[in-house]
């Protein structure tokens, strides 16, 4: 489960793996980890859940504001650029 702060309840605020270092003489640091396959599976599962959760939030935000999105898009097609004040006015209008 993902908390409102994007943190995993299962894994908590823990850093896994070693700090990033410079690659030296072809050593592949991406394969150098200090945790088990079970932990790697949990990390992958939590990452997937976080990405899916973020995707659903973004999708809902776009769906809830589709009229604003279309208004801004059509204005940009006509004018190419808009100033902040115009953008804010359009957002209030939609």
PDB file of N, CA and C in Angstrom:
ATOM      1  N   UNK A   1       0.846  -1.177   0.000  1.00  0.00           N
ATOM      2  CA  UNK A   1       0.000   0.000   0.000  1.00  0.00           C
ATOM      3  C   UNK A   1       0.888   1.236   0.000  1.00  0.00           C
ATOM      4  N   UNK A   2       0.466   2.242  -0.743  1.00  0.00           N
ATOM      5  CA  UNK A   2       1.223   3.475  -0.857  1.00  0.00           C
ATOM      6  C   UNK A   2       0.577   4.535   0.027  1.00  0.00           C
ATOM      7  N   UNK A   3       1.378   5.243   0.802  1.00  0.00           N
ATOM      8  CA  UNK A   3       0.855   6.302   1.660  1.00  0.00           C
ATOM      9  C   UNK A   3       0.633   7.561   0.836  1.00  0.00           C
ATOM     10  N   UNK A   4       0.019   8.571   1.441  1.00  0.00           N
ATOM     11  CA  UNK A   4      -0.231   9.824   0.722  1.00  0.00           C
ATOM     12  C   UNK A   4       1.060  10.534   0.341  1.00  0.00           C
ATOM     13  N   UNK A   5       2.155  10.165   0.941  1.00  0.00           N
ATOM     14  CA  UNK A   5       3.440  10.791   0.639  1.00  0.00           C
ATOM     15  C   UNK A   5       4.234   9.992  -0.389  1.00  0.00           C
ATOM     16  N   UNK A   6       3.622   8.936  -0.970  1.00  0.00           N
ATOM     17  CA  UNK A   6       4.298   8.134  -1.975  1.00  0.00           C
ATOM     18  C   UNK A   6       5.260   7.124  -1.382  1.00  0.00           C
ATOM     19  N   UNK A   7       5.169   6.902  -0.087  1.00  0.00           N
ATOM     20  CA  UNK A   7       6.052   5.972   0.588  1.00  0.00           C
ATOM     21  C   UNK A   7       5.340   4.625   0.741  1.00  0.00           C
ATOM     22  N   UNK A   8       6.086   3.572   0.686  1.00  0.00           N
ATOM     23  CA  UNK A   8       5.530   2.240   0.834  1.00  0.00           C
ATOM     24  C   UNK A   8       5.306   1.909   2.305  1.00  0.00           C
ATOM     25  N   UNK A   9       4.108   1.446   2.623  1.00  0.00           N
ATOM     26  CA  UNK A   9       3.857   1.000   3.997  1.00  0.00           C
ATOM     27  C   UNK A   9       4.597  -0.301   4.283  1.00  0.00           C
ATOM     28  N   UNK A  10       4.744  -1.143   3.254  1.00  0.00           N
ATOM     29  CA  UNK A  10       5.408  -2.429   3.430  1.00  0.00           C
ATOM     30  C   UNK A  10       6.908  -2.282   3.640  1.00  0.00           C
ATOM     31  N   UNK A  11       7.548  -1.417   2.843  1.00  0.00           N
ATOM     32  CA  UNK A  11       9.005  -1.285   2.899  1.00  0.00           C
ATOM     33  C   UNK A  11       9.473  -0.144   3.788  1.00  0.00           C
ATOM     34  N   UNK A  12       8.632   0.884   3.948  1.00  0.00           N
ATOM     35  CA  UNK A  12       8.994   1.993   4.805  1.00  0.00           C
ATOM     36  C   UNK A  12      10.049   2.900   4.196  1.00  0.00           C
ATOM     37  N   UNK A  13      10.567   3.828   5.000  1.00  0.00           N
ATOM     38  CA  UNK A  13      11.539   4.812   4.503  1.00  0.00           C
ATOM     39  C   UNK A  13      12.974   4.287   4.562  1.00  0.00           C
ATOM     40  N   UNK A  14      13.216   3.199   3.837  1.00  0.00           N
ATOM     41  CA  UNK A  14      14.529   2.561   3.868  1.00  0.00           C
ATOM     42  C   UNK A  14      15.155   2.657   2.483  1.00  0.00           C
ATOM     43  N   UNK A  15      16.454   2.872   2.436  1.00  0.00           N
ATOM     44  CA  UNK A  15      17.178   2.861   1.177  1.00  0.00           C
ATOM     45  C   UNK A  15      17.770   1.480   0.983  1.00  0.00           C
ATOM     46  N   UNK A  16      17.521   0.911  -0.183  1.00  0.00           N
ATOM     47  CA  UNK A  16      18.062  -0.409  -0.496  1.00  0.00           C
ATOM     48  C   UNK A  16      19.196  -0.260  -1.491  1.00  0.00           C
ATOM     49  N   UNK A  17      20.138  -1.153  -1.426  1.00  0.00           N
ATOM     50  CA  UNK A  17      21.283  -1.098  -2.323  1.00  0.00           C
ATOM     51  C   UNK A  17      22.360  -0.209  -1.742  1.00  0.00           C
ATOM     52  N   UNK A  18      23.415  -0.084  -2.490  1.00  0.00           N
ATOM     53  CA  UNK A  18      24.537   0.746  -2.064  1.00  0.00           C
ATOM     54  C   UNK A  18      24.440   2.111  -2.735  1.00  0.00           C
ATOM     55  N   UNK A  19      25.046   3.114  -2.151  1.00  0.00           N
ATOM     56  CA  UNK A  19      25.046   4.431  -2.792  1.00  0.00           C
ATOM     57  C   UNK A  19      25.660   4.353  -4.182  1.00  0.00           C
ATOM     58  N   UNK A  20      25.179   5.193  -5.090  1.00  0.00           N
ATOM     59  CA  UNK A  20      25.730   5.203  -6.442  1.00  0.00           C
ATOM     60  C   UNK A  20      27.177   5.658  -6.394  1.00  0.00           C
ATOM     61  N   UNK A  21      27.973   4.959  -7.156  1.00  0.00           N
ATOM     62  CA  UNK A  21      29.389   5.288  -7.266  1.00  0.00           C
ATOM     63  C   UNK A  21      29.727   5.373  -8.741  1.00  0.00           C
ATOM     64  N   UNK A  22      30.893   5.868  -9.027  1.00  0.00           N
ATOM     65  CA  UNK A  22      31.348   5.908 -10.410  1.00  0.00           C
ATOM     66  C   UNK A  22      31.695   4.490 -10.854  1.00  0.00           C
ATOM     67  N   UNK A  23      31.371   4.185 -12.104  1.00  0.00           N
ATOM     68  CA  UNK A  23      31.733   2.878 -12.659  1.00  0.00           C
ATOM     69  C   UNK A  23      33.239   2.868 -12.863  1.00  0.00           C
ATOM     70  N   UNK A  24      33.876   1.833 -12.347  1.00  0.00           N
ATOM     71  CA  UNK A  24      35.334   1.731 -12.441  1.00  0.00           C
ATOM     72  C   UNK A  24      35.697   0.441 -13.161  1.00  0.00           C
ATOM     73  N   UNK A  25      36.434   0.562 -14.226  1.00  0.00           N
ATOM     74  CA  UNK A  25      36.926  -0.565 -14.999  1.00  0.00           C
ATOM     75  C   UNK A  25      35.792  -1.516 -15.407  1.00  0.00           C
ATOM     76  N   UNK A  26      34.686  -0.950 -15.844  1.00  0.00           N
ATOM     77  CA  UNK A  26      33.602  -1.768 -16.373  1.00  0.00           C
ATOM     78  C   UNK A  26      32.727  -2.434 -15.339  1.00  0.00           C
ATOM     79  N   UNK A  27      32.950  -2.164 -14.081  1.00  0.00           N
ATOM     80  CA  UNK A  27      32.150  -2.783 -13.030  1.00  0.00           C
ATOM     81  C   UNK A  27      30.717  -2.287 -13.135  1.00  0.00           C
ATOM     82  N   UNK A  28      29.776  -3.200 -13.185  1.00  0.00           N
ATOM     83  CA  UNK A  28      28.359  -2.845 -13.319  1.00  0.00           C
ATOM     84  C   UNK A  28      27.753  -2.741 -11.930  1.00  0.00           C
ATOM     85  N   UNK A  29      27.542  -1.503 -11.482  1.00  0.00           N
ATOM     86  CA  UNK A  29      27.021  -1.294 -10.144  1.00  0.00           C
ATOM     87  C   UNK A  29      25.539  -1.623 -10.026  1.00  0.00           C
ATOM     88  N   UNK A  30      24.837  -1.653 -11.140  1.00  0.00           N
ATOM     89  CA  UNK A  30      23.407  -1.935 -11.097  1.00  0.00           C
ATOM     90  C   UNK A  30      23.138  -3.347 -10.570  1.00  0.00           C
ATOM     91  N   UNK A  31      24.087  -4.233 -10.721  1.00  0.00           N
ATOM     92  CA  UNK A  31      23.903  -5.608 -10.247  1.00  0.00           C
ATOM     93  C   UNK A  31      24.457  -5.819  -8.842  1.00  0.00           C
ATOM     94  N   UNK A  32      25.045  -4.810  -8.289  1.00  0.00           N
ATOM     95  CA  UNK A  32      25.666  -4.906  -6.975  1.00  0.00           C
ATOM     96  C   UNK A  32      24.650  -4.470  -5.920  1.00  0.00           C
ATOM     97  N   UNK A  33      23.989  -5.423  -5.292  1.00  0.00           N
ATOM     98  CA  UNK A  33      22.986  -5.076  -4.300  1.00  0.00           C
ATOM     99  C   UNK A  33      23.233  -5.855  -3.022  1.00  0.00           C
ATOM    100  N   UNK A  34      22.698  -5.338  -1.951  1.00  0.00           N
ATOM    101  CA  UNK A  34      22.910  -5.957  -0.651  1.00  0.00           C
ATOM    102  C   UNK A  34      21.586  -6.361  -0.021  1.00  0.00           C
ATOM    103  N   UNK A  35      20.670  -6.885  -0.834  1.00  0.00           N
ATOM    104  CA  UNK A  35      19.389  -7.361  -0.328  1.00  0.00           C
ATOM    105  C   UNK A  35      18.981  -8.614  -1.099  1.00  0.00           C
ATOM    106  N   UNK A  36      18.047  -9.348  -0.522  1.00  0.00           N
ATOM    107  CA  UNK A  36      17.663 -10.647  -1.060  1.00  0.00           C
ATOM    108  C   UNK A  36      16.742 -10.544  -2.269  1.00  0.00           C
ATOM    109  N   UNK A  37      16.523 -11.685  -2.919  1.00  0.00           N
ATOM    110  CA  UNK A  37      15.576 -11.753  -4.035  1.00  0.00           C
ATOM    111  C   UNK A  37      14.161 -11.432  -3.558  1.00  0.00           C
ATOM    112  N   UNK A  38      13.823 -11.861  -2.350  1.00  0.00           N
ATOM    113  CA  UNK A  38      12.489 -11.576  -1.801  1.00  0.00           C
ATOM    114  C   UNK A  38      12.300 -10.067  -1.613  1.00  0.00           C
ATOM    115  N   UNK A  39      13.342  -9.410  -1.120  1.00  0.00           N
ATOM    116  CA  UNK A  39      13.270  -7.958  -0.964  1.00  0.00           C
ATOM    117  C   UNK A  39      13.212  -7.279  -2.327  1.00  0.00           C
ATOM    118  N   UNK A  40      13.974  -7.779  -3.292  1.00  0.00           N
ATOM    119  CA  UNK A  40      13.940  -7.228  -4.650  1.00  0.00           C
ATOM    120  C   UNK A  40      12.534  -7.353  -5.229  1.00  0.00           C
ATOM    121  N   UNK A  41      11.876  -8.492  -4.992  1.00  0.00           N
ATOM    122  CA  UNK A  41      10.502  -8.694  -5.459  1.00  0.00           C
ATOM    123  C   UNK A  41       9.572  -7.681  -4.799  1.00  0.00           C
ATOM    124  N   UNK A  42       9.729  -7.482  -3.489  1.00  0.00           N
ATOM    125  CA  UNK A  42       8.892  -6.516  -2.775  1.00  0.00           C
ATOM    126  C   UNK A  42       9.101  -5.105  -3.309  1.00  0.00           C
ATOM    127  N   UNK A  43      10.348  -4.751  -3.593  1.00  0.00           N
ATOM    128  CA  UNK A  43      10.651  -3.429  -4.147  1.00  0.00           C
ATOM    129  C   UNK A  43       9.971  -3.278  -5.505  1.00  0.00           C
ATOM    130  N   UNK A  44      10.108  -4.287  -6.361  1.00  0.00           N
ATOM    131  CA  UNK A  44       9.486  -4.235  -7.685  1.00  0.00           C
ATOM    132  C   UNK A  44       7.972  -4.104  -7.580  1.00  0.00           C
ATOM    133  N   UNK A  45       7.371  -4.863  -6.659  1.00  0.00           N
ATOM    134  CA  UNK A  45       5.919  -4.820  -6.469  1.00  0.00           C
ATOM    135  C   UNK A  45       5.479  -3.435  -5.998  1.00  0.00           C
ATOM    136  N   UNK A  46       6.201  -2.868  -5.039  1.00  0.00           N
ATOM    137  CA  UNK A  46       5.866  -1.542  -4.523  1.00  0.00           C
ATOM    138  C   UNK A  46       6.061  -0.467  -5.590  1.00  0.00           C
ATOM    139  N   UNK A  47       7.131  -0.578  -6.365  1.00  0.00           N
ATOM    140  CA  UNK A  47       7.350   0.379  -7.452  1.00  0.00           C
ATOM    141  C   UNK A  47       6.199   0.326  -8.446  1.00  0.00           C
ATOM    142  N   UNK A  48       5.773  -0.876  -8.787  1.00  0.00           N
ATOM    143  CA  UNK A  48       4.655  -1.024  -9.711  1.00  0.00           C
ATOM    144  C   UNK A  48       3.399  -0.373  -9.144  1.00  0.00           C
ATOM    145  N   UNK A  49       3.133  -0.589  -7.867  1.00  0.00           N
ATOM    146  CA  UNK A  49       1.953   0.001  -7.233  1.00  0.00           C
ATOM    147  C   UNK A  49       2.047   1.527  -7.212  1.00  0.00           C
ATOM    148  N   UNK A  50       3.218   2.052  -6.948  1.00  0.00           N
ATOM    149  CA  UNK A  50       3.399   3.504  -6.922  1.00  0.00           C
ATOM    150  C   UNK A  50       3.184   4.101  -8.316  1.00  0.00           C
ATOM    151  N   UNK A  51       3.708   3.442  -9.333  1.00  0.00           N
ATOM    152  CA  UNK A  51       3.536   3.922 -10.702  1.00  0.00           C
ATOM    153  C   UNK A  51       2.066   3.846 -11.097  1.00  0.00           C
ATOM    154  N   UNK A  52       1.409   2.746 -10.788  1.00  0.00           N
ATOM    155  CA  UNK A  52      -0.013   2.593 -11.110  1.00  0.00           C
ATOM    156  C   UNK A  52      -0.852   3.639 -10.382  1.00  0.00           C
ATOM    157  N   UNK A  53      -0.549   3.874  -9.115  1.00  0.00           N
ATOM    158  CA  UNK A  53      -1.271   4.879  -8.326  1.00  0.00           C
ATOM    159  C   UNK A  53      -1.084   6.269  -8.944  1.00  0.00           C
ATOM    160  N   UNK A  54       0.131   6.608  -9.317  1.00  0.00           N
ATOM    161  CA  UNK A  54       0.421   7.909  -9.925  1.00  0.00           C
ATOM    162  C   UNK A  54      -0.283   8.036 -11.272  1.00  0.00           C
ATOM    163  N   UNK A  55      -0.291   6.959 -12.038  1.00  0.00           N
ATOM    164  CA  UNK A  55      -0.980   6.965 -13.327  1.00  0.00           C
ATOM    165  C   UNK A  55      -2.465   7.235 -13.138  1.00  0.00           C
ATOM    166  N   UNK A  56      -3.085   6.554 -12.184  1.00  0.00           N
ATOM    167  CA  UNK A  56      -4.519   6.739 -11.935  1.00  0.00           C
ATOM    168  C   UNK A  56      -4.815   8.168 -11.477  1.00  0.00           C
ATOM    169  N   UNK A  57      -3.956   8.734 -10.641  1.00  0.00           N
ATOM    170  CA  UNK A  57      -4.139  10.123 -10.199  1.00  0.00           C
ATOM    171  C   UNK A  57      -4.054  11.089 -11.381  1.00  0.00           C
ATOM    172  N   UNK A  58      -3.045  10.899 -12.234  1.00  0.00           N
ATOM    173  CA  UNK A  58      -2.868  11.772 -13.397  1.00  0.00           C
ATOM    174  C   UNK A  58      -4.051  11.638 -14.350  1.00  0.00           C
ATOM    175  N   UNK A  59      -4.488  10.413 -14.565  1.00  0.00           N
ATOM    176  CA  UNK A  59      -5.627  10.163 -15.456  1.00  0.00           C
ATOM    177  C   UNK A  59      -6.886  10.844 -14.921  1.00  0.00           C
ATOM    178  N   UNK A  60      -7.146  10.726 -13.617  1.00  0.00           N
ATOM    179  CA  UNK A  60      -8.322  11.351 -13.012  1.00  0.00           C
ATOM    180  C   UNK A  60      -8.237  12.871 -13.105  1.00  0.00           C
ATOM    181  N   UNK A  61      -7.061  13.415 -12.856  1.00  0.00           N
ATOM    182  CA  UNK A  61      -6.863  14.860 -12.954  1.00  0.00           C
ATOM    183  C   UNK A  61      -7.175  15.363 -14.358  1.00  0.00           C
ATOM    184  N   UNK A  62      -6.691  14.652 -15.369  1.00  0.00           N
ATOM    185  CA  UNK A  62      -6.966  15.036 -16.747  1.00  0.00           C
ATOM    186  C   UNK A  62      -8.452  14.878 -17.086  1.00  0.00           C
ATOM    187  N   UNK A  63      -9.059  13.769 -16.657  1.00  0.00           N
ATOM    188  CA  UNK A  63     -10.479  13.543 -16.934  1.00  0.00           C
ATOM    189  C   UNK A  63     -11.349  14.594 -16.249  1.00  0.00           C
ATOM    190  N   UNK A  64     -11.018  14.943 -15.023  1.00  0.00           N
ATOM    191  CA  UNK A  64     -11.793  15.925 -14.275  1.00  0.00           C
ATOM    192  C   UNK A  64     -11.663  17.338 -14.857  1.00  0.00           C
ATOM    193  N   UNK A  65     -10.585  17.571 -15.588  1.00  0.00           N
ATOM    194  CA  UNK A  65     -10.315  18.911 -16.118  1.00  0.00           C
ATOM    195  C   UNK A  65     -10.211  18.927 -17.638  1.00  0.00           C
ATOM    196  N   UNK A  66     -10.909  17.994 -18.288  1.00  0.00           N
ATOM    197  CA  UNK A  66     -10.779  17.859 -19.746  1.00  0.00           C
ATOM    198  C   UNK A  66     -11.218  19.121 -20.478  1.00  0.00           C
ATOM    199  N   UNK A  67     -12.235  19.809 -19.977  1.00  0.00           N
ATOM    200  CA  UNK A  67     -12.685  21.036 -20.659  1.00  0.00           C
ATOM    201  C   UNK A  67     -11.603  22.115 -20.589  1.00  0.00           C
ATOM    202  N   UNK A  68     -10.911  22.198 -19.461  1.00  0.00           N
ATOM    203  CA  UNK A  68      -9.808  23.158 -19.333  1.00  0.00           C
ATOM    204  C   UNK A  68      -8.664  22.790 -20.275  1.00  0.00           C
ATOM    205  N   UNK A  69      -8.388  21.504 -20.358  1.00  0.00           N
ATOM    206  CA  UNK A  69      -7.321  21.028 -21.240  1.00  0.00           C
ATOM    207  C   UNK A  69      -7.625  21.394 -22.688  1.00  0.00           C
ATOM    208  N   UNK A  70      -8.862  21.168 -23.122  1.00  0.00           N
ATOM    209  CA  UNK A  70      -9.242  21.486 -24.501  1.00  0.00           C
ATOM    210  C   UNK A  70      -9.214  23.001 -24.756  1.00  0.00           C
ATOM    211  N   UNK A  71      -9.659  23.779 -23.793  1.00  0.00           N
ATOM    212  CA  UNK A  71      -9.641  25.233 -23.945  1.00  0.00           C
ATOM    213  C   UNK A  71      -8.208  25.752 -24.078  1.00  0.00           C
ATOM    214  N   UNK A  72      -7.324  25.289 -23.220  1.00  0.00           N
ATOM    215  CA  UNK A  72      -5.912  25.702 -23.291  1.00  0.00           C
ATOM    216  C   UNK A  72      -5.300  25.243 -24.610  1.00  0.00           C
ATOM    217  N   UNK A  73      -5.577  24.008 -25.014  1.00  0.00           N
ATOM    218  CA  UNK A  73      -5.015  23.475 -26.265  1.00  0.00           C
ATOM    219  C   UNK A  73      -5.490  24.286 -27.469  1.00  0.00           C
ATOM    220  N   UNK A  74      -6.778  24.573 -27.532  1.00  0.00           N
ATOM    221  CA  UNK A  74      -7.283  25.337 -28.685  1.00  0.00           C
ATOM    222  C   UNK A  74      -6.724  26.762 -28.695  1.00  0.00           C
ATOM    223  N   UNK A  75      -6.581  27.352 -27.527  1.00  0.00           N
ATOM    224  CA  UNK A  75      -5.982  28.694 -27.452  1.00  0.00           C
ATOM    225  C   UNK A  75      -4.534  28.670 -27.918  1.00  0.00           C
ATOM    226  N   UNK A  76      -3.795  27.651 -27.514  1.00  0.00           N
ATOM    227  CA  UNK A  76      -2.399  27.541 -27.934  1.00  0.00           C
ATOM    228  C   UNK A  76      -2.281  27.272 -29.431  1.00  0.00           C
ATOM    229  N   UNK A  77      -3.228  26.535 -30.001  1.00  0.00           N
ATOM    230  CA  UNK A  77      -3.203  26.306 -31.448  1.00  0.00           C
ATOM    231  C   UNK A  77      -3.420  27.613 -32.212  1.00  0.00           C
ATOM    232  N   UNK A  78      -4.228  28.492 -31.652  1.00  0.00           N
ATOM    233  CA  UNK A  78      -4.501  29.779 -32.294  1.00  0.00           C
ATOM    234  C   UNK A  78      -3.355  30.774 -32.082  1.00  0.00           C
ATOM    235  N   UNK A  79      -2.803  30.816 -30.873  1.00  0.00           N
ATOM    236  CA  UNK A  79      -1.850  31.868 -30.516  1.00  0.00           C
ATOM    237  C   UNK A  79      -0.413  31.403 -30.343  1.00  0.00           C
ATOM    238  N   UNK A  80      -0.172  30.128 -30.242  1.00  0.00           N
ATOM    239  CA  UNK A  80       1.137  29.513 -30.019  1.00  0.00           C
ATOM    240  C   UNK A  80       1.669  29.707 -28.606  1.00  0.00           C
ATOM    241  N   UNK A  81       1.534  30.880 -28.045  1.00  0.00           N
ATOM    242  CA  UNK A  81       1.979  31.110 -26.661  1.00  0.00           C
ATOM    243  C   UNK A  81       0.910  31.903 -25.923  1.00  0.00           C
ATOM    244  N   UNK A  82       0.889  31.746 -24.608  1.00  0.00           N
ATOM    245  CA  UNK A  82       0.006  32.548 -23.767  1.00  0.00           C
ATOM    246  C   UNK A  82       0.778  32.966 -22.523  1.00  0.00           C
ATOM    247  N   UNK A  83       0.423  34.110 -22.022  1.00  0.00           N
ATOM    248  CA  UNK A  83       1.046  34.620 -20.801  1.00  0.00           C
ATOM    249  C   UNK A  83       0.378  33.969 -19.589  1.00  0.00           C
ATOM    250  N   UNK A  84       1.038  34.045 -18.473  1.00  0.00           N
ATOM    251  CA  UNK A  84       0.520  33.460 -17.244  1.00  0.00           C
ATOM    252  C   UNK A  84      -0.870  34.005 -16.908  1.00  0.00           C
ATOM    253  N   UNK A  85      -1.043  35.305 -17.007  1.00  0.00           N
ATOM    254  CA  UNK A  85      -2.337  35.915 -16.665  1.00  0.00           C
ATOM    255  C   UNK A  85      -3.445  35.386 -17.568  1.00  0.00           C
ATOM    256  N   UNK A  86      -3.126  35.199 -18.845  1.00  0.00           N
ATOM    257  CA  UNK A  86      -4.116  34.660 -19.776  1.00  0.00           C
ATOM    258  C   UNK A  86      -4.419  33.200 -19.442  1.00  0.00           C
ATOM    259  N   UNK A  87      -3.392  32.441 -19.107  1.00  0.00           N
ATOM    260  CA  UNK A  87      -3.579  31.047 -18.712  1.00  0.00           C
ATOM    261  C   UNK A  87      -4.490  30.958 -17.488  1.00  0.00           C
ATOM    262  N   UNK A  88      -4.204  31.778 -16.494  1.00  0.00           N
ATOM    263  CA  UNK A  88      -5.020  31.770 -15.269  1.00  0.00           C
ATOM    264  C   UNK A  88      -6.466  32.158 -15.566  1.00  0.00           C
ATOM    265  N   UNK A  89      -6.665  33.129 -16.450  1.00  0.00           N
ATOM    266  CA  UNK A  89      -8.022  33.545 -16.824  1.00  0.00           C
ATOM    267  C   UNK A  89      -8.755  32.410 -17.527  1.00  0.00           C
ATOM    268  N   UNK A  90      -8.055  31.718 -18.414  1.00  0.00           N
ATOM    269  CA  UNK A  90      -8.662  30.587 -19.128  1.00  0.00           C
ATOM    270  C   UNK A  90      -9.031  29.469 -18.155  1.00  0.00           C
ATOM    271  N   UNK A  91      -8.182  29.230 -17.172  1.00  0.00           N
ATOM    272  CA  UNK A  91      -8.463  28.178 -16.185  1.00  0.00           C
ATOM    273  C   UNK A  91      -9.698  28.523 -15.354  1.00  0.00           C
ATOM    274  N   UNK A  92      -9.882  29.795 -15.066  1.00  0.00           N
ATOM    275  CA  UNK A  92     -11.068  30.233 -14.301  1.00  0.00           C
ATOM    276  C   UNK A  92     -12.323  30.135 -15.165  1.00  0.00           C
ATOM    277  N   UNK A  93     -12.152  30.378 -16.469  1.00  0.00           N
ATOM    278  CA  UNK A  93     -13.268  30.401 -17.414  1.00  0.00           C
ATOM    279  C   UNK A  93     -13.862  29.019 -17.625  1.00  0.00           C
ATOM    280  N   UNK A  94     -13.015  28.022 -17.723  1.00  0.00           N
ATOM    281  CA  UNK A  94     -13.464  26.664 -18.074  1.00  0.00           C
ATOM    282  C   UNK A  94     -14.230  25.997 -16.947  1.00  0.00           C
TER     283      UNK A  94
END
